[in-house]
Protein backbone atom coordinates (compact mmCIF):
# COMPACT_ATOMS: atom_id res chain seq x y z
CA MET A 1 140.58 69.68 151.44
CA LYS A 2 139.48 72.91 149.81
CA ASN A 3 143.05 74.23 149.64
CA HIS A 4 143.30 73.98 145.85
CA GLU A 5 139.88 75.58 145.24
CA ILE A 6 140.59 78.55 147.51
CA ALA A 7 144.11 79.04 146.14
CA THR A 8 142.67 79.10 142.61
CA LEU A 9 140.10 81.74 143.57
CA PHE A 10 142.71 84.06 145.07
CA GLY A 11 144.99 83.54 142.05
CA ARG A 12 142.15 84.47 139.72
CA ILE A 13 141.31 87.56 141.78
CA ALA A 14 144.94 88.69 141.45
CA ASP A 15 144.95 88.12 137.68
CA VAL A 16 141.70 89.99 137.09
CA LEU A 17 142.70 92.89 139.37
CA GLU A 18 145.88 93.22 137.30
CA LEU A 19 143.80 93.05 134.12
CA LYS A 20 141.73 95.95 135.46
CA GLY A 21 144.83 97.95 136.45
CA ASP A 22 144.23 97.74 140.19
CA ASP A 23 146.70 98.57 142.98
CA SER A 24 149.84 96.39 142.81
CA PHE A 25 149.97 95.92 146.58
CA ARG A 26 146.51 94.33 146.61
CA ILE A 27 147.36 92.20 143.59
CA ASN A 28 150.52 90.89 145.23
CA SER A 29 148.66 90.18 148.50
CA TYR A 30 146.19 87.93 146.68
CA ARG A 31 149.00 86.23 144.75
CA LYS A 32 150.89 85.54 147.95
CA ALA A 33 147.77 84.13 149.62
CA SER A 34 147.19 81.90 146.59
CA ARG A 35 150.74 80.52 146.64
CA VAL A 36 150.78 79.92 150.38
CA ILE A 37 147.41 78.13 150.43
CA ALA A 38 148.27 76.01 147.37
CA ASP A 39 151.37 74.72 149.14
CA LEU A 40 149.75 74.13 152.55
CA THR A 41 150.11 70.58 153.79
CA GLU A 42 147.36 71.06 156.38
CA ASP A 43 143.63 71.08 155.60
CA ILE A 44 142.52 74.72 155.41
CA GLU A 45 139.03 73.77 156.65
CA LYS A 46 140.59 72.34 159.80
CA LEU A 47 142.67 75.47 160.33
CA ALA A 48 139.54 77.58 159.85
CA SER A 49 137.57 75.53 162.42
CA GLU A 50 140.42 76.00 164.89
CA GLU A 51 140.54 79.76 164.12
CA LYS A 52 144.18 79.45 163.05
CA LEU A 53 143.94 80.94 159.55
CA THR A 54 145.81 84.11 160.51
CA ASP A 55 148.67 81.93 161.77
CA ILE A 56 149.37 81.13 158.11
CA PRO A 57 152.07 83.51 156.81
CA GLY A 58 150.55 86.00 154.38
CA ILE A 59 146.95 85.47 155.57
CA GLY A 60 145.54 88.53 157.32
CA LYS A 61 142.17 89.09 158.94
CA GLY A 62 140.42 90.15 155.70
CA THR A 63 141.74 87.20 153.72
CA ALA A 64 140.80 84.82 156.54
CA GLU A 65 137.23 86.15 156.48
CA LYS A 66 136.98 85.46 152.76
CA ILE A 67 138.22 81.89 153.31
CA VAL A 68 135.68 81.27 156.07
CA GLU A 69 132.90 82.68 153.86
CA TYR A 70 133.81 80.27 151.07
CA ILE A 71 134.04 77.27 153.39
CA LYS A 72 130.63 78.04 154.92
CA THR A 73 128.70 79.09 151.80
CA GLY A 74 130.64 77.77 148.80
CA LYS A 75 130.87 81.36 147.55
CA MET A 76 133.26 84.28 147.95
CA SER A 77 131.59 87.66 147.48
CA LYS A 78 134.90 89.39 146.70
CA TYR A 79 135.57 86.90 143.91
CA GLU A 80 132.13 87.46 142.39
CA GLU A 81 132.57 91.24 142.64
CA VAL A 82 135.98 91.19 140.90
CA MET A 83 134.82 88.81 138.16
CA LYS A 84 131.95 91.02 137.01
CA GLY A 85 132.36 91.76 133.31
CA VAL A 86 135.20 89.24 132.85
CA SER A 87 134.51 86.00 131.00
CA GLU A 88 135.95 82.56 131.75
CA GLU A 89 137.54 82.67 128.29
CA THR A 90 139.49 85.79 129.22
CA ILE A 91 140.68 84.15 132.46
CA THR A 92 141.89 81.21 130.36
CA LEU A 93 143.82 83.60 128.11
CA MET A 94 145.74 84.91 131.12
CA GLN A 95 147.01 81.39 131.83
CA ILE A 96 148.88 81.29 128.50
CA PRO A 97 152.64 81.81 128.96
CA GLY A 98 153.72 85.09 127.39
CA LEU A 99 150.29 86.69 127.83
CA GLY A 100 150.18 88.76 130.99
CA PRO A 101 147.03 90.58 132.07
CA LYS A 102 148.21 93.85 130.48
CA THR A 103 148.70 92.20 127.08
CA VAL A 104 145.31 90.48 127.36
CA ALA A 105 143.66 93.83 128.16
CA MET A 106 145.36 95.48 125.18
CA LEU A 107 144.34 92.66 122.80
CA ASN A 108 140.76 92.95 124.00
CA ARG A 109 140.75 96.70 123.58
CA GLU A 110 142.45 96.80 120.17
CA LEU A 111 141.16 93.61 118.50
CA GLY A 112 138.18 92.54 120.59
CA ILE A 113 139.95 89.29 121.55
CA VAL A 114 138.06 87.55 124.34
CA GLY A 115 139.17 83.91 124.24
CA LEU A 116 141.72 81.47 122.89
CA SER A 117 139.94 80.86 119.58
CA ASP A 118 139.84 84.64 118.96
CA LEU A 119 143.56 84.84 119.64
CA GLU A 120 144.43 81.92 117.36
CA ASN A 121 142.35 83.43 114.53
CA ALA A 122 144.03 86.82 114.99
CA LEU A 123 147.47 85.19 114.89
CA HIS A 124 146.55 83.24 111.76
CA GLU A 125 145.39 86.45 110.06
CA GLY A 126 148.49 88.41 111.16
CA LYS A 127 146.46 90.98 113.11
CA LEU A 128 148.82 91.18 116.09
CA LYS A 129 151.74 92.47 114.06
CA GLY A 130 152.10 96.21 114.43
CA LEU A 131 150.31 96.49 117.77
CA PHE A 132 152.23 98.46 120.39
CA GLY A 133 154.89 96.30 122.05
CA ILE A 134 154.24 93.27 119.83
CA GLY A 135 156.95 92.37 117.35
CA ASP A 136 157.91 89.14 115.62
CA LYS A 137 159.63 87.74 118.72
CA LYS A 138 156.62 88.45 120.93
CA ILE A 139 154.31 86.78 118.40
CA GLU A 140 156.63 83.76 118.28
CA ASN A 141 156.56 83.57 122.09
CA ILE A 142 152.76 83.79 122.17
CA ILE A 143 152.49 80.91 119.68
CA LYS A 144 154.90 78.84 121.80
CA GLY A 145 152.90 79.81 124.89
CA ILE A 146 149.68 78.51 123.34
CA GLU A 147 151.37 75.20 122.51
CA LEU A 148 152.76 74.95 126.06
CA PHE A 149 149.35 75.80 127.53
CA LYS A 150 147.57 73.14 125.48
CA THR A 151 150.17 70.54 126.44
CA SER A 152 149.92 71.44 130.13
CA GLN A 153 146.13 71.01 130.02
CA GLN A 154 146.65 67.37 129.01
CA ARG A 155 149.12 66.66 131.82
CA ILE A 156 148.97 66.93 135.61
CA SER A 157 151.81 68.47 137.57
CA ILE A 158 153.53 66.01 139.88
CA GLY A 159 153.31 68.76 142.51
CA MET A 160 149.55 68.22 142.55
CA ALA A 161 149.41 64.49 141.77
CA TYR A 162 151.99 63.35 144.34
CA PRO A 163 150.25 64.72 147.49
CA VAL A 164 146.84 63.55 146.21
CA VAL A 165 148.09 59.98 145.79
CA LYS A 166 149.90 59.97 149.14
CA ARG A 167 146.68 61.10 150.84
CA ILE A 168 144.53 58.47 149.09
CA ILE A 169 146.96 55.61 149.71
CA ALA A 170 147.26 56.57 153.40
CA GLY A 171 143.47 56.55 153.67
CA LEU A 172 143.04 53.20 151.91
CA ARG A 173 145.63 51.54 154.14
CA ASN A 174 143.06 51.87 156.94
CA ASN A 175 140.92 49.23 155.18
CA PRO A 176 142.12 45.84 156.50
CA GLU A 177 141.15 44.24 153.18
CA VAL A 178 144.05 46.10 151.48
CA LYS A 179 147.08 43.80 151.46
CA ASP A 180 149.35 46.01 149.37
CA ILE A 181 148.93 49.32 147.59
CA GLN A 182 151.14 51.47 145.38
CA ALA A 183 150.97 54.31 142.91
CA ALA A 184 151.54 53.15 139.33
CA GLY A 185 152.16 54.75 135.95
CA SER A 186 154.31 57.81 135.31
CA LEU A 187 153.71 59.07 138.85
CA ARG A 188 155.54 56.07 140.29
CA ARG A 189 158.32 56.74 137.81
CA MET A 190 158.37 60.33 139.19
CA LYS A 191 157.94 62.08 135.86
CA GLU A 192 157.57 65.85 136.21
CA THR A 193 154.04 65.70 134.78
CA VAL A 194 151.67 62.76 134.59
CA GLY A 195 148.89 61.88 132.19
CA ASP A 196 146.78 59.79 134.55
CA ILE A 197 146.80 59.14 138.28
CA ASP A 198 146.72 55.38 138.76
CA ILE A 199 146.72 53.38 141.99
CA LEU A 200 147.05 49.61 142.25
CA ALA A 201 145.94 47.58 145.27
CA SER A 202 145.74 43.91 146.13
CA GLY A 203 143.19 42.09 148.27
CA THR A 204 140.50 39.42 148.21
CA ASN A 205 137.55 41.78 148.69
CA GLY A 206 137.86 44.21 145.80
CA ALA A 207 134.35 45.60 146.25
CA SER A 208 135.14 46.68 149.83
CA ILE A 209 138.37 48.37 148.75
CA VAL A 210 136.67 50.19 145.87
CA GLU A 211 133.87 51.30 148.20
CA SER A 212 136.43 52.78 150.61
CA PHE A 213 138.04 54.56 147.67
CA VAL A 214 134.92 56.15 146.19
CA SER A 215 133.61 57.24 149.60
CA MET A 216 136.81 58.92 150.81
CA ASN A 217 136.88 62.52 152.02
CA GLY A 218 137.87 64.79 149.16
CA VAL A 219 136.00 62.85 146.46
CA THR A 220 133.72 65.24 144.58
CA GLN A 221 132.44 62.88 141.87
CA VAL A 222 132.30 59.11 141.45
CA LEU A 223 132.94 58.31 137.80
CA ALA A 224 132.91 54.50 138.08
CA SER A 225 132.57 51.91 140.82
CA ALA A 226 132.77 48.14 140.31
CA ASP A 227 134.18 45.09 142.08
CA THR A 228 137.79 45.64 141.03
CA LYS A 229 137.89 49.13 139.55
CA GLY A 230 136.95 52.60 140.69
CA SER A 231 137.38 56.09 139.27
CA VAL A 232 136.77 59.39 141.02
CA ARG A 233 137.35 63.10 140.68
CA VAL A 234 138.82 64.78 143.76
CA GLU A 235 138.72 68.34 145.11
CA GLU A 236 141.91 69.23 143.26
CA GLY A 237 139.93 68.70 140.04
CA VAL A 238 141.86 65.65 138.84
CA GLN A 239 140.76 62.10 138.09
CA VAL A 240 142.17 59.18 140.08
CA ASP A 241 141.75 55.54 139.02
CA LEU A 242 142.04 52.50 141.28
CA ARG A 243 142.47 48.90 140.20
CA VAL A 244 142.34 45.94 142.61
CA VAL A 245 144.08 42.66 141.71
CA LYS A 246 144.67 39.30 143.37
CA GLU A 247 147.60 39.04 145.76
CA ASP A 248 149.44 36.54 143.56
CA GLU A 249 149.16 38.96 140.60
CA PHE A 250 150.11 42.18 142.39
CA GLY A 251 153.83 42.22 141.55
CA ALA A 252 153.33 41.48 137.85
CA ALA A 253 150.47 43.98 137.63
CA LEU A 254 152.50 46.67 139.40
CA GLN A 255 155.41 46.15 137.03
CA TYR A 256 153.10 46.21 134.00
CA PHE A 257 151.12 49.31 134.99
CA THR A 258 154.19 51.24 136.13
CA GLY A 259 155.66 51.17 132.62
CA SER A 260 157.09 52.81 130.72
CA LYS A 261 155.68 51.34 127.52
CA GLU A 262 159.14 51.25 125.90
CA HIS A 263 160.67 49.58 128.96
CA ASN A 264 157.97 46.91 129.01
CA ILE A 265 158.26 46.19 125.28
CA HIS A 266 162.01 45.61 125.73
CA LEU A 267 161.34 43.26 128.66
CA ARG A 268 158.79 41.26 126.66
CA GLU A 269 161.31 40.83 123.83
CA ILE A 270 163.82 39.38 126.31
CA ALA A 271 161.13 37.15 127.83
CA LYS A 272 160.14 35.81 124.42
CA LYS A 273 163.73 34.78 123.69
CA LYS A 274 163.77 32.89 127.00
CA GLY A 275 160.51 31.09 126.20
CA LEU A 276 158.58 33.11 128.78
CA LYS A 277 155.54 35.32 128.69
CA ILE A 278 155.04 38.26 131.07
CA SER A 279 151.78 40.14 131.51
CA GLU A 280 149.83 41.93 134.23
CA TYR A 281 148.67 38.51 135.45
CA GLY A 282 152.09 36.97 136.05
CA ILE A 283 155.07 35.22 134.49
CA PHE A 284 154.33 32.11 132.47
CA LYS A 285 156.38 29.30 130.98
CA GLY A 286 153.94 27.74 128.58
CA GLU A 287 150.70 27.37 130.53
CA LYS A 288 152.45 27.22 133.90
CA LYS A 289 152.53 30.33 136.05
CA ILE A 290 155.99 30.65 137.63
CA GLY A 291 155.70 33.99 139.44
CA GLY A 292 153.94 37.32 139.78
CA SER A 293 153.18 38.02 143.43
CA MET A 294 156.24 40.25 143.72
CA GLU A 295 157.58 42.77 141.23
CA GLU A 296 161.07 41.33 141.68
CA ASP A 297 159.77 38.03 140.24
CA VAL A 298 159.50 39.58 136.78
CA TYR A 299 163.08 40.79 136.65
CA LYS A 300 164.51 37.70 138.35
CA ALA A 301 162.85 35.46 135.75
CA LEU A 302 164.60 37.49 133.06
CA GLY A 303 167.99 37.12 134.76
CA MET A 304 168.41 40.62 136.16
CA ASN A 305 168.06 42.63 139.37
CA CYS A 306 164.83 44.55 139.96
CA ILE A 307 165.05 47.93 138.24
CA PRO A 308 163.90 50.94 140.31
CA PRO A 309 160.71 52.48 138.87
CA GLU A 310 162.32 55.87 138.21
CA LEU A 311 164.79 54.29 135.75
CA ARG A 312 162.24 52.43 133.65
CA GLU A 313 162.41 54.57 130.50
CA ASN A 314 164.43 52.21 128.24
CA ARG A 315 167.50 54.42 128.50
CA GLY A 316 170.04 51.69 129.19
CA GLU A 317 168.66 50.54 132.54
CA ILE A 318 167.85 47.03 131.24
CA GLU A 319 171.37 46.53 129.91
CA ALA A 320 172.81 47.83 133.21
CA ALA A 321 170.58 45.40 135.14
CA GLN A 322 171.73 42.50 132.98
CA LEU A 323 175.35 43.38 133.76
CA GLY A 324 174.66 43.91 137.47
CA LYS A 325 175.63 47.58 137.10
CA LEU A 326 172.50 49.44 138.22
CA PRO A 327 173.29 52.54 140.30
CA ASN A 328 172.62 52.50 144.05
CA LEU A 329 170.12 55.34 143.79
CA ILE A 330 169.91 58.14 146.31
CA GLU A 331 167.18 57.88 148.98
CA LEU A 332 165.34 60.62 150.86
CA SER A 333 166.98 59.35 154.06
CA ASP A 334 170.41 60.26 152.60
CA ILE A 335 169.62 63.99 152.68
CA LYS A 336 171.22 65.89 155.57
CA GLY A 337 169.88 69.35 154.74
CA ASP A 338 168.34 71.74 152.22
CA LEU A 339 170.65 74.13 150.35
CA HIS A 340 168.32 76.87 149.03
CA ASN A 341 165.64 78.53 151.18
CA HIS A 342 164.22 82.01 151.73
CA SER A 343 163.24 83.74 154.95
CA ASN A 344 161.09 86.76 155.75
CA TRP A 345 164.19 88.91 155.31
CA SER A 346 163.58 88.76 151.53
CA ASP A 347 160.46 87.29 149.90
CA GLY A 348 159.95 84.26 152.13
CA THR A 349 157.47 84.04 154.99
CA PRO A 350 159.23 82.11 157.81
CA THR A 351 161.60 83.47 160.43
CA PHE A 352 165.00 81.86 160.91
CA GLU A 353 163.66 80.12 164.01
CA GLU A 354 160.67 78.69 162.14
CA MET A 355 162.91 77.46 159.33
CA ALA A 356 165.27 75.77 161.78
CA GLU A 357 162.45 74.21 163.79
CA HIS A 358 160.86 72.68 160.70
CA ALA A 359 164.21 71.47 159.35
CA ILE A 360 164.95 69.75 162.66
CA LYS A 361 161.53 68.05 162.54
CA MET A 362 162.48 66.74 159.08
CA GLY A 363 165.61 65.20 160.56
CA TYR A 364 168.03 67.63 158.93
CA LYS A 365 171.43 68.52 160.34
CA TYR A 366 171.60 71.87 158.57
CA LEU A 367 169.62 74.33 156.49
CA VAL A 368 170.88 77.03 154.12
CA VAL A 369 169.34 80.50 154.42
CA SER A 370 169.82 81.96 150.94
CA ASP A 371 167.81 85.16 150.67
CA HIS A 372 167.73 87.11 147.43
CA SER A 373 170.33 89.77 146.61
CA LYS A 374 169.86 93.49 146.06
CA SER A 375 169.21 93.52 142.29
CA LEU A 376 166.03 91.50 142.65
CA HIS A 377 163.89 94.37 143.96
CA VAL A 378 160.64 92.52 143.39
CA ALA A 379 161.79 89.89 145.90
CA ASN A 380 162.97 92.43 148.49
CA GLY A 381 166.57 91.48 147.80
CA LEU A 382 169.07 92.24 150.55
CA LYS A 383 171.56 95.10 150.28
CA ASP A 384 175.16 94.66 151.50
CA ASP A 385 174.49 95.97 155.00
CA GLU A 386 171.32 93.90 155.32
CA LEU A 387 173.16 90.71 154.36
CA LEU A 388 175.87 91.48 156.92
CA GLU A 389 173.17 92.02 159.55
CA GLU A 390 171.54 88.72 158.56
CA ILE A 391 174.90 86.96 158.99
CA GLU A 392 175.18 88.33 162.54
CA GLU A 393 171.65 87.19 163.41
CA ILE A 394 172.30 83.67 162.12
CA ASP A 395 175.56 83.46 164.08
CA LYS A 396 173.70 84.41 167.28
CA LEU A 397 170.95 81.89 166.63
CA ASN A 398 173.38 79.05 165.89
CA LYS A 399 174.72 79.29 169.46
CA LYS A 400 171.33 77.99 170.67
CA PHE A 401 171.35 74.82 168.54
CA LYS A 402 172.79 71.43 169.34
CA GLY A 403 173.49 69.14 166.39
CA PHE A 404 171.96 71.58 163.91
CA THR A 405 173.35 74.53 161.93
CA LEU A 406 171.79 77.35 159.93
CA LEU A 407 174.25 78.03 157.11
CA LYS A 408 174.81 81.62 155.98
CA ALA A 409 174.24 82.09 152.27
CA THR A 410 172.73 84.18 149.50
CA GLU A 411 170.92 83.47 146.27
CA MET A 412 172.92 86.03 144.34
CA ASP A 413 171.76 87.42 141.02
CA ILE A 414 173.87 86.91 137.92
CA LYS A 415 173.05 90.28 136.40
CA ALA A 416 172.23 90.96 132.75
CA ASP A 417 175.74 92.31 132.10
CA GLY A 418 177.31 89.18 133.61
CA SER A 419 178.47 90.79 136.85
CA LEU A 420 177.48 89.47 140.29
CA ASP A 421 175.40 91.24 142.90
CA PHE A 422 177.95 91.13 145.75
CA LEU A 423 181.70 91.68 145.83
CA ASP A 424 184.06 88.97 147.05
CA ASN A 425 184.67 90.75 150.38
CA ILE A 426 181.00 90.10 151.20
CA LEU A 427 180.86 86.58 149.74
CA GLU A 428 183.86 85.43 151.81
CA LYS A 429 181.76 85.82 154.98
CA LEU A 430 179.23 83.23 153.78
CA ASP A 431 179.21 79.44 154.20
CA VAL A 432 177.53 78.79 150.84
CA VAL A 433 177.00 80.97 147.76
CA VAL A 434 174.14 80.17 145.38
CA ALA A 435 174.02 82.11 142.10
CA SER A 436 171.17 82.29 139.60
CA ILE A 437 169.69 84.19 136.67
CA HIS A 438 166.47 86.15 137.19
CA SER A 439 166.76 88.71 134.37
CA GLY A 440 167.78 89.04 130.74
CA PHE A 441 165.96 85.85 129.74
CA LYS A 442 165.67 87.01 126.11
CA GLN A 443 169.39 87.44 125.56
CA GLU A 444 171.15 85.35 122.94
CA LYS A 445 172.32 81.86 123.91
CA GLU A 446 175.98 82.88 123.78
CA LYS A 447 175.39 85.82 126.15
CA ILE A 448 173.43 83.83 128.72
CA THR A 449 176.01 81.05 128.62
CA GLU A 450 178.80 83.61 129.03
CA ARG A 451 177.03 85.15 132.06
CA MET A 452 176.58 81.79 133.74
CA ILE A 453 180.16 80.67 133.08
CA ALA A 454 181.48 83.94 134.54
CA ALA A 455 179.57 83.17 137.73
CA ILE A 456 180.75 79.56 137.78
CA CYS A 457 184.37 80.74 137.51
CA ASN A 458 184.00 83.00 140.55
CA PRO A 459 185.84 81.21 143.40
CA TYR A 460 183.04 81.95 145.87
CA VAL A 461 180.11 80.59 143.84
CA ASN A 462 179.30 77.03 144.96
CA ILE A 463 175.92 76.27 143.37
CA ILE A 464 174.12 77.40 140.22
CA ALA A 465 170.39 77.42 140.98
CA HIS A 466 167.61 76.45 138.54
CA PRO A 467 170.17 76.39 135.71
CA THR A 468 167.83 76.50 132.69
CA GLY A 469 165.29 78.95 134.15
CA ARG A 470 162.28 76.99 132.98
CA LEU A 471 158.84 76.98 134.58
CA ILE A 472 157.17 73.80 133.38
CA SER A 473 153.67 75.24 133.01
CA LYS A 474 154.70 78.78 131.97
CA ARG A 475 157.94 79.03 130.00
CA GLU A 476 160.60 76.94 128.33
CA GLY A 477 163.47 78.77 130.01
CA TYR A 478 166.27 80.83 128.56
CA GLU A 479 168.61 79.54 125.87
CA VAL A 480 171.82 78.32 127.48
CA ASP A 481 174.53 75.90 126.38
CA ILE A 482 174.00 73.48 129.24
CA ASP A 483 176.71 71.12 127.96
CA LYS A 484 179.26 73.93 128.22
CA VAL A 485 177.92 74.85 131.67
CA ILE A 486 178.36 71.25 132.82
CA GLU A 487 181.89 71.18 131.41
CA VAL A 488 182.95 74.34 133.28
CA CYS A 489 181.24 73.20 136.50
CA ALA A 490 183.32 70.01 136.32
CA GLU A 491 186.51 72.04 135.85
CA THR A 492 185.80 74.43 138.73
CA GLY A 493 184.15 72.19 141.33
CA THR A 494 180.82 74.02 141.13
CA ALA A 495 177.57 72.18 141.83
CA LEU A 496 174.39 72.39 139.77
CA GLU A 497 171.01 72.46 141.46
CA ILE A 498 167.94 70.31 141.11
CA ASN A 499 165.39 72.90 142.13
CA CYS A 500 162.60 70.86 143.73
CA TYR A 501 159.80 73.40 143.30
CA TYR A 502 157.21 71.45 141.34
CA ASP A 503 156.97 73.93 138.47
CA ARG A 504 160.77 74.09 138.07
CA LEU A 505 162.34 70.64 138.68
CA ASP A 506 165.42 72.16 137.10
CA LEU A 507 167.86 70.50 136.29
CA ASN A 508 165.74 67.84 134.64
CA ASP A 509 166.60 64.14 134.75
CA ILE A 510 168.44 64.09 131.40
CA TYR A 511 170.80 66.90 132.38
CA CYS A 512 171.30 65.36 135.84
CA ARG A 513 172.61 62.21 134.25
CA LYS A 514 174.88 64.23 131.95
CA ALA A 515 176.21 66.15 134.95
CA ARG A 516 176.86 62.93 136.87
CA GLU A 517 178.73 61.41 133.94
CA ALA A 518 180.87 64.56 133.75
CA GLY A 519 181.69 64.39 137.47
CA VAL A 520 179.63 67.45 138.44
CA MET A 521 178.14 67.42 141.94
CA ILE A 522 174.43 68.11 142.41
CA ALA A 523 172.56 70.06 145.10
CA ILE A 524 168.94 69.02 145.70
CA SER A 525 167.18 72.12 147.05
CA THR A 526 163.56 73.17 147.54
CA ASP A 527 163.92 76.95 147.03
CA ALA A 528 161.26 77.05 149.76
CA HIS A 529 159.68 80.43 150.44
CA HIS A 530 157.60 79.04 153.29
CA ILE A 531 157.91 75.88 155.33
CA ASP A 532 155.01 74.12 153.61
CA GLN A 533 157.16 73.94 150.47
CA MET A 534 159.99 72.04 152.16
CA TRP A 535 158.30 68.67 151.53
CA MET A 536 159.07 69.13 147.84
CA ILE A 537 162.53 67.73 148.51
CA GLU A 538 160.76 64.42 147.74
CA LEU A 539 160.10 65.61 144.18
CA GLY A 540 163.75 66.53 143.76
CA ILE A 541 164.80 63.10 144.99
CA GLY A 542 162.54 61.61 142.32
CA ILE A 543 164.26 63.66 139.60
CA ALA A 544 167.68 62.72 140.99
CA ARG A 545 166.79 59.04 140.89
CA ARG A 546 165.53 59.40 137.30
CA GLY A 547 168.93 60.94 136.57
CA TRP A 548 170.76 57.86 137.95
CA LEU A 549 172.18 59.83 140.90
CA GLU A 550 173.68 58.10 143.91
CA ALA A 551 174.16 59.64 147.37
CA LYS A 552 177.82 60.29 146.59
CA ASP A 553 176.78 62.54 143.67
CA VAL A 554 174.77 64.94 145.88
CA ILE A 555 176.39 67.49 148.18
CA ASN A 556 173.54 67.69 150.65
CA THR A 557 174.18 64.09 151.64
CA PHE A 558 177.42 65.43 153.16
CA SER A 559 177.88 66.18 156.85
CA VAL A 560 177.93 69.90 157.66
CA ASP A 561 181.72 69.85 157.97
CA LYS A 562 182.18 68.04 154.67
CA LEU A 563 179.77 70.45 152.95
CA LYS A 564 181.68 73.46 154.30
CA ALA A 565 184.94 71.89 153.15
CA PHE A 566 183.45 71.37 149.66
CA CYS A 567 182.50 75.05 149.50
CA MET A 568 185.84 76.28 150.88
CA LYS A 569 187.93 74.12 148.53
CA LYS A 570 186.98 76.28 145.55
CA ARG A 571 188.22 79.42 147.31
CA LYS A 572 191.79 78.12 147.68
């Protein structure tokens, strides 16, 4: 799949056009194409061969021609034209949070800064201070942005790693020599970023399994290939490692290589006290091997139930397992619908019909249409009359469905002054009200917390979306007293969202667990802007499981009637 490569090219074109002060419409067109292609679940080469590129929302004839050119020749003439006079170092600079293309252009013009080392030297020498628009706070944010950028370069987003591993495992299952196969490491534990992508397989013919692995479609470079180990680089630019073990060692090896390190150290201490030894090869009492083919063997030998991978962080899960008090974690199959989605009425690409059709294919009973509100001009937010018109359209469409409902909603802005974007006489016509912050990120912690609490206390607001405002690869989020937010949500019956978009995953697992312990309900929502993002519900489930959530803690495990009742209860 060349999806990632082509998405990267269009993203770079947009960045450099902005750097050069080009037309905003063209810039946004390239950005949209980049986002849509990056999130495609289908192979773009296949779509091109079937002449279906223009069926992709946001891909017009001109963009499709550029994609075909790249697929056929490995080059894109528009990309090469735009990149003239711009170095790779400058492109890297634009990836640093807090450094938009305009700031990069100004730094180049005023200080001759071309790359990251130039910028770090200029910061060290205090040269940025006094430049137009750059004060102490901006400098502080640039320094934080550099740290965040460097950290992100060492980690792989789960949004990239998860689909890559699913694809590889599905392909390797076609080899009859593979008896069992699983992702391992931090990916199996569903951490929001992963250091390495590790896969573990069992079988008697390791060489055959490794050969299948290194010769798979999508492999761009074979880094190592032996009888039981293989390492490759794939089209997405990431390294994937495979290890093949004997069938009677698979369970112990899977437990060992899943981690976490702290979890495993704790287990080994317990084993030692029981006169046992556990390793990737099995469970031993003296020289005698007493188990290891199944992962459950390890935990059973230590007198506890098997601990789900997502909990293995040494945060009390071992003690809970010893007491038989592990949570019955939520499963993907528990989800009845998605509570935060955007249509082509605001900044999404799908029609209501397309959203409903895809949701039904996913087995959902309902889907929330929550287009942006009027203050968010950049997202084509809906005015009062437009939202009322949208409500009418959804009501008409719902008459055609059997066993499925599109729920009327909004993602309403919590404005910088703390007021909300719609009055109550509009909100009362909706099934669900989602509220979120999209502006005033630099306000003081007290102010942002005050804004959010004001929204939470509104009787029509049911869900607070992406509560900390972070983007994992770009920004830390605004300063908010999340403990106070959780407290007021518990008092008012307001849910907090796990936003499943891979660069948000907000709330994180720590706050999810805090919310659960406080009795706050959680909504797991994709914030999908096109249907190829709706699969990310799986990432949100992973975060929920890391946060010890059960089905009863999550409102989109409710039936449509129970969900509506939950939302209406706050209005009484």
